[in-house]
C-alpha atoms as a PDB file:
ATOM      1  CA  MET A   1      70.668  63.166 122.725  1.00  0.00           C
ATOM      2  CA  ILE A   2      71.610  63.159 125.870  1.00  0.00           C
ATOM      3  CA  ARG A   3      70.634  64.205 128.697  1.00  0.00           C
ATOM      4  CA  PHE A   4      69.319  62.583 132.364  1.00  0.00           C
ATOM      5  CA  ALA A   5      67.157  60.533 133.479  1.00  0.00           C
ATOM      6  CA  ASP A   6      63.788  60.979 135.100  1.00  0.00           C
ATOM      7  CA  ILE A   7      61.038  59.193 137.086  1.00  0.00           C
ATOM      8  CA  LYS A   8      59.174  58.645 133.182  1.00  0.00           C
ATOM      9  CA  ASP A   9      62.406  56.558 131.623  1.00  0.00           C
ATOM     10  CA  PHE A  10      62.369  53.928 134.780  1.00  0.00           C
ATOM     11  CA  ASP A  11      60.591  51.356 132.404  1.00  0.00           C
ATOM     12  CA  ARG A  12      62.834  52.260 129.393  1.00  0.00           C
ATOM     13  CA  ILE A  13      66.108  51.749 131.629  1.00  0.00           C
ATOM     14  CA  MET A  14      64.512  48.435 132.830  1.00  0.00           C
ATOM     15  CA  ASP A  15      64.044  46.883 129.609  1.00  0.00           C
ATOM     16  CA  MET A  16      67.539  47.723 128.853  1.00  0.00           C
ATOM     17  CA  MET A  17      68.347  46.829 131.922  1.00  0.00           C
ATOM     18  CA  ILE A  18      67.587  43.287 130.846  1.00  0.00           C
ATOM     19  CA  ASN A  19      68.968  43.368 127.925  1.00  0.00           C
ATOM     20  CA  PHE A  20      71.937  44.667 129.375  1.00  0.00           C
ATOM     21  CA  ALA A  21      71.697  41.032 132.600  1.00  0.00           C
ATOM     22  CA  ASN A  22      71.287  38.839 129.499  1.00  0.00           C
ATOM     23  CA  SER A  23      74.608  39.624 127.887  1.00  0.00           C
ATOM     24  CA  SER A  24      76.594  39.613 130.420  1.00  0.00           C
ATOM     25  CA  PRO A  25      79.560  36.635 130.615  1.00  0.00           C
ATOM     26  CA  TYR A  26      78.183  35.666 133.962  1.00  0.00           C
ATOM     27  CA  ALA A  27      75.163  33.100 133.992  1.00  0.00           C
ATOM     28  CA  ALA A  28      73.694  34.070 137.122  1.00  0.00           C
ATOM     29  CA  HIS A  29      72.780  36.940 135.519  1.00  0.00           C
ATOM     30  CA  HIS A  30      70.591  35.717 132.686  1.00  0.00           C
ATOM     31  CA  ASP A  31      66.633  36.262 132.796  1.00  0.00           C
ATOM     32  CA  PRO A  32      66.633  38.046 135.574  1.00  0.00           C
ATOM     33  CA  GLN A  33      63.391  38.513 137.826  1.00  0.00           C
ATOM     34  CA  TYR A  34      63.751  42.063 139.398  1.00  0.00           C
ATOM     35  CA  ASN A  35      61.123  43.733 142.087  1.00  0.00           C
ATOM     36  CA  ASP A  36      59.771  46.286 140.431  1.00  0.00           C
ATOM     37  CA  ARG A  37      59.387  48.015 143.477  1.00  0.00           C
ATOM     38  CA  HIS A  38      62.844  47.689 144.510  1.00  0.00           C
ATOM     39  CA  VAL A  39      64.383  48.533 140.768  1.00  0.00           C
ATOM     40  CA  ARG A  40      62.670  51.669 141.155  1.00  0.00           C
ATOM     41  CA  THR A  41      63.266  52.636 144.404  1.00  0.00           C
ATOM     42  CA  LEU A  42      66.959  51.850 143.655  1.00  0.00           C
ATOM     43  CA  LEU A  43      66.611  54.154 140.320  1.00  0.00           C
ATOM     44  CA  SER A  44      65.149  56.662 142.748  1.00  0.00           C
ATOM     45  CA  HIS A  45      68.522  56.240 145.289  1.00  0.00           C
ATOM     46  CA  ILE A  46      70.559  56.772 142.255  1.00  0.00           C
ATOM     47  CA  MET A  47      69.382  59.409 140.617  1.00  0.00           C
ATOM     48  CA  GLN A  48      69.597  61.314 144.364  1.00  0.00           C
ATOM     49  CA  ASN A  49      73.650  60.028 145.022  1.00  0.00           C
ATOM     50  CA  GLY A  50      74.852  59.065 141.295  1.00  0.00           C
ATOM     51  CA  VAL A  51      73.679  59.692 137.923  1.00  0.00           C
ATOM     52  CA  ILE A  52      71.414  58.284 135.429  1.00  0.00           C
ATOM     53  CA  ILE A  53      72.297  59.521 132.254  1.00  0.00           C
ATOM     54  CA  VAL A  54      70.383  58.321 129.254  1.00  0.00           C
ATOM     55  CA  GLY A  55      70.736  58.319 125.157  1.00  0.00           C
ATOM     56  CA  GLU A  56      67.804  58.981 122.601  1.00  0.00           C
ATOM     57  CA  ALA A  57      68.136  58.161 119.204  1.00  0.00           C
ATOM     58  CA  ASP A  58      65.125  57.728 116.769  1.00  0.00           C
ATOM     59  CA  GLY A  59      62.715  58.768 119.477  1.00  0.00           C
ATOM     60  CA  GLU A  60      63.330  55.994 122.597  1.00  0.00           C
ATOM     61  CA  LEU A  61      66.079  55.800 124.569  1.00  0.00           C
ATOM     62  CA  GLN A  62      68.889  53.470 123.436  1.00  0.00           C
ATOM     63  CA  GLY A  63      71.939  53.465 125.672  1.00  0.00           C
ATOM     64  CA  MET A  64      72.540  54.544 129.381  1.00  0.00           C
ATOM     65  CA  LEU A  65      74.797  55.276 131.746  1.00  0.00           C
ATOM     66  CA  ILE A  66      74.500  54.685 135.550  1.00  0.00           C
ATOM     67  CA  GLY A  67      76.940  55.398 137.971  1.00  0.00           C
ATOM     68  CA  MET A  68      75.962  56.131 141.978  1.00  0.00           C
ATOM     69  CA  ILE A  69      77.942  57.399 144.446  1.00  0.00           C
ATOM     70  CA  ASN A  70      79.469  54.779 147.462  1.00  0.00           C
ATOM     71  CA  SER A  71      81.533  55.347 150.770  1.00  0.00           C
ATOM     72  CA  ASP A  72      84.425  53.347 150.957  1.00  0.00           C
ATOM     73  CA  PRO A  73      83.987  50.284 153.389  1.00  0.00           C
ATOM     74  CA  TRP A  74      87.017  51.002 154.922  1.00  0.00           C
ATOM     75  CA  LEU A  75      87.330  54.798 154.914  1.00  0.00           C
ATOM     76  CA  PRO A  76      83.813  56.197 154.837  1.00  0.00           C
ATOM     77  CA  HIS A  77      85.369  59.614 154.158  1.00  0.00           C
ATOM     78  CA  VAL A  78      85.892  58.191 150.327  1.00  0.00           C
ATOM     79  CA  LYS A  79      83.560  58.946 148.076  1.00  0.00           C
ATOM     80  CA  THR A  80      83.287  57.233 144.821  1.00  0.00           C
ATOM     81  CA  MET A  81      81.453  57.741 142.088  1.00  0.00           C
ATOM     82  CA  ARG A  82      81.451  53.457 140.320  1.00  0.00           C
ATOM     83  CA  GLU A  83      79.720  53.172 137.396  1.00  0.00           C
ATOM     84  CA  ILE A  84      77.280  50.173 137.808  1.00  0.00           C
ATOM     85  CA  ALA A  85      75.589  50.038 133.861  1.00  0.00           C
ATOM     86  CA  TRP A  86      76.592  51.096 130.815  1.00  0.00           C
ATOM     87  CA  TRP A  87      74.970  49.700 128.038  1.00  0.00           C
ATOM     88  CA  VAL A  88      73.921  50.817 124.467  1.00  0.00           C
ATOM     89  CA  GLU A  89      71.285  49.013 122.259  1.00  0.00           C
ATOM     90  CA  GLU A  90      72.870  46.958 119.765  1.00  0.00           C
ATOM     91  CA  PRO A  91      71.789  48.813 116.621  1.00  0.00           C
ATOM     92  CA  TYR A  92      73.378  51.298 117.828  1.00  0.00           C
ATOM     93  CA  ARG A  93      76.847  50.458 118.733  1.00  0.00           C
ATOM     94  CA  MET A  94      78.636  51.672 116.054  1.00  0.00           C
ATOM     95  CA  THR A  95      76.996  55.424 116.219  1.00  0.00           C
ATOM     96  CA  SER A  96      78.213  57.990 118.511  1.00  0.00           C
ATOM     97  CA  LEU A  97      75.716  57.357 121.636  1.00  0.00           C
ATOM     98  CA  GLY A  98      77.999  54.878 124.058  1.00  0.00           C
ATOM     99  CA  TYR A  99      80.811  57.306 123.181  1.00  0.00           C
ATOM    100  CA  LYS A 100      78.364  60.381 124.266  1.00  0.00           C
ATOM    101  CA  LEU A 101      77.108  58.459 126.971  1.00  0.00           C
ATOM    102  CA  LEU A 102      80.798  58.074 128.426  1.00  0.00           C
ATOM    103  CA  LYS A 103      81.792  61.230 127.879  1.00  0.00           C
ATOM    104  CA  LYS A 104      78.632  63.369 129.884  1.00  0.00           C
ATOM    105  CA  TYR A 105      79.638  60.184 132.948  1.00  0.00           C
ATOM    106  CA  VAL A 106      83.001  62.090 132.877  1.00  0.00           C
ATOM    107  CA  ASP A 107      81.853  65.663 132.665  1.00  0.00           C
ATOM    108  CA  VAL A 108      79.484  65.165 135.396  1.00  0.00           C
ATOM    109  CA  GLY A 109      82.429  62.876 137.817  1.00  0.00           C
ATOM    110  CA  GLU A 110      85.042  66.006 137.059  1.00  0.00           C
ATOM    111  CA  GLN A 111      82.048  68.409 138.209  1.00  0.00           C
ATOM    112  CA  LEU A 112      81.374  66.101 141.420  1.00  0.00           C
ATOM    113  CA  GLN A 113      85.258  66.080 142.052  1.00  0.00           C
ATOM    114  CA  GLN A 114      85.830  69.844 141.659  1.00  0.00           C
ATOM    115  CA  THR A 115      82.869  70.595 145.085  1.00  0.00           C
ATOM    116  CA  GLY A 116      84.551  68.103 146.812  1.00  0.00           C
ATOM    117  CA  LYS A 117      80.994  65.851 146.270  1.00  0.00           C
ATOM    118  CA  ILE A 118      83.549  62.962 145.122  1.00  0.00           C
ATOM    119  CA  ASP A 119      87.041  61.869 145.831  1.00  0.00           C
ATOM    120  CA  GLY A 120      86.971  59.901 141.994  1.00  0.00           C
ATOM    121  CA  PHE A 121      84.974  57.683 139.686  1.00  0.00           C
ATOM    122  CA  THR A 122      85.262  54.621 137.992  1.00  0.00           C
ATOM    123  CA  LEU A 123      84.662  52.918 135.013  1.00  0.00           C
ATOM    124  CA  THR A 124      83.503  49.145 134.795  1.00  0.00           C
ATOM    125  CA  LEU A 125      84.194  47.054 131.547  1.00  0.00           C
ATOM    126  CA  MET A 126      82.733  43.537 130.945  1.00  0.00           C
ATOM    127  CA  SER A 127      85.001  40.924 129.856  1.00  0.00           C
ATOM    128  CA  GLN A 128      83.450  41.580 126.287  1.00  0.00           C
ATOM    129  CA  SER A 129      83.526  45.120 126.156  1.00  0.00           C
ATOM    130  CA  PRO A 130      85.774  46.581 122.808  1.00  0.00           C
ATOM    131  CA  ASP A 131      89.052  47.452 123.431  1.00  0.00           C
ATOM    132  CA  LEU A 132      88.562  51.430 124.218  1.00  0.00           C
ATOM    133  CA  ASN A 133      91.785  52.962 124.662  1.00  0.00           C
ATOM    134  CA  LEU A 134      90.815  53.974 128.427  1.00  0.00           C
ATOM    135  CA  GLU A 135      94.424  54.613 129.384  1.00  0.00           C
ATOM    136  CA  LYS A 136      94.983  57.010 126.169  1.00  0.00           C
ATOM    137  CA  ARG A 137      91.718  58.933 127.169  1.00  0.00           C
ATOM    138  CA  GLY A 138      92.804  59.339 131.056  1.00  0.00           C
ATOM    139  CA  TRP A 139      91.854  56.285 132.704  1.00  0.00           C
ATOM    140  CA  SER A 140      94.263  54.312 134.545  1.00  0.00           C
ATOM    141  CA  GLN A 141      93.349  50.536 135.645  1.00  0.00           C
ATOM    142  CA  VAL A 142      92.685  49.606 139.180  1.00  0.00           C
ATOM    143  CA  GLU A 143      91.333  46.419 139.681  1.00  0.00           C
ATOM    144  CA  ARG A 144      89.749  43.085 138.022  1.00  0.00           C
ATOM    145  CA  ASN A 145      86.818  41.549 139.090  1.00  0.00           C
ATOM    146  CA  TYR A 146      87.081  37.567 138.413  1.00  0.00           C
ATOM    147  CA  VAL A 147      84.121  34.792 139.235  1.00  0.00           C
ATOM    148  CA  TYR A 148      85.382  31.445 140.170  1.00  0.00           C
ATOM    149  CA  LYS A 149      84.481  28.673 137.754  1.00  0.00           C
ATOM    150  CA  GLY A 150      86.207  25.818 139.125  1.00  0.00           C
END
């Protein structure tokens, strides 16, 4: 089942965020030491200024997609919902859970665009993400991020 998160989901979301961080190709993310209060405050803020979508399977949250609405630093009137975490636990990766999370995110993004709350919404893929053929699904690549390793 795909639904919007509520405060009761924060513990499980934080557990998944640890798994998400540890899977990052950026070593600075590994073994995260979160400030519990800060993360809960951030999640509450995102629920008011974005979206936290969760996916349940076998009676527990097994995936999430989090998007936060931000103003462009140079053009503050331009509002974009940026995906900041899209995660599906390992045993559920080859199911439809990830697709259903993405579908709901797109539905929410389109609705926010239609109501004028955002100008657009983004999706970020990590270097080890599978090729999802996003261009065929209506997405266009805008930029890439790199971490300098020397």
